[in-house]
Amino acid sequence: MDEENFNLSMRKFLKMVGVSSQHEIEKAVAAAIADGSIKGTESFPAKVTLDVAGIKLNVSFDGEIRLQ
């Protein structure tokens, strides 16, 4: 295994996931505020599941997104 290539590809993947996830959450919050379904002061439970089939990895991460 090439450690340097492995770490580089993993960081690239995680950066893409982080940036894309943030963008999607921001869009969803803006749309929900615009249509009046939320006020913008709420907190929401959040969950992300990481699945890498080739190494039989399936793990979930729970957290909270607070708008205020």
Protein backbone atom coordinates (compact mmCIF):
# COMPACT_ATOMS: atom_id res chain seq x y z
CA MET A 1 0.00 0.00 0.00
CA ASP A 2 1.18 3.49 -0.85
CA GLU A 3 0.51 5.43 2.39
CA GLU A 4 0.98 8.84 0.78
CA ASN A 5 -1.48 8.11 -2.06
CA PHE A 6 -3.94 6.52 0.38
CA ASN A 7 -3.88 9.54 2.71
CA LEU A 8 -4.15 11.99 -0.20
CA SER A 9 -7.14 10.22 -1.73
CA MET A 10 -8.84 9.88 1.65
CA ARG A 11 -8.39 13.61 2.39
CA LYS A 12 -9.70 14.49 -1.08
CA PHE A 13 -12.79 12.31 -0.54
CA LEU A 14 -13.46 13.73 2.95
CA LYS A 15 -13.05 17.31 1.71
CA MET A 16 -15.54 16.66 -1.11
CA VAL A 17 -18.00 15.11 1.35
CA GLY A 18 -17.62 17.98 3.82
CA VAL A 19 -17.99 20.77 1.27
CA SER A 20 -20.86 19.08 -0.59
CA SER A 21 -22.68 18.22 2.64
CA GLN A 22 -22.41 21.77 3.94
CA HIS A 23 -23.74 23.15 0.65
CA GLU A 24 -26.73 20.78 0.68
CA ILE A 25 -27.57 21.57 4.30
CA GLU A 26 -27.36 25.31 3.65
CA LYS A 27 -29.69 24.98 0.62
CA ALA A 28 -32.20 22.89 2.57
CA VAL A 29 -32.22 25.31 5.52
CA ALA A 30 -32.66 28.33 3.24
CA ALA A 31 -35.53 26.63 1.40
CA ALA A 32 -37.23 25.61 4.66
CA ILE A 33 -36.95 29.16 6.03
CA ALA A 34 -38.25 30.60 2.75
CA ASP A 35 -41.29 28.34 2.67
CA GLY A 36 -42.01 28.94 6.35
CA SER A 37 -41.63 25.36 7.51
CA ILE A 38 -38.93 26.41 10.01
CA LYS A 39 -38.20 29.71 11.74
CA GLY A 40 -34.40 29.57 11.70
CA THR A 41 -33.97 29.13 15.43
CA GLU A 42 -34.27 25.35 15.59
CA SER A 43 -31.79 22.57 16.20
CA PHE A 44 -31.89 19.35 14.23
CA PRO A 45 -30.42 15.94 14.91
CA ALA A 46 -28.16 14.87 12.05
CA LYS A 47 -26.71 11.54 11.04
CA VAL A 48 -24.09 10.58 8.46
CA THR A 49 -23.37 7.02 7.44
CA LEU A 50 -20.03 6.08 5.90
CA ASP A 51 -20.13 2.93 3.81
CA VAL A 52 -17.04 1.49 2.12
CA ALA A 53 -18.17 -1.86 0.76
CA GLY A 54 -14.74 -3.16 -0.28
CA ILE A 55 -13.48 -3.19 3.31
CA LYS A 56 -16.83 -3.93 4.97
CA LEU A 57 -16.94 -0.57 6.72
CA ASN A 58 -20.32 0.81 7.72
CA VAL A 59 -20.30 3.37 10.52
CA SER A 60 -22.68 6.16 11.49
CA PHE A 61 -21.92 9.51 13.07
CA ASP A 62 -24.62 11.36 15.00
CA GLY A 63 -24.64 15.03 15.80
CA GLU A 64 -26.72 18.17 15.91
CA ILE A 65 -27.07 21.17 13.63
CA ARG A 66 -28.11 24.31 15.50
CA LEU A 67 -29.40 27.29 13.56
CA GLN A 68 -28.95 29.67 16.45
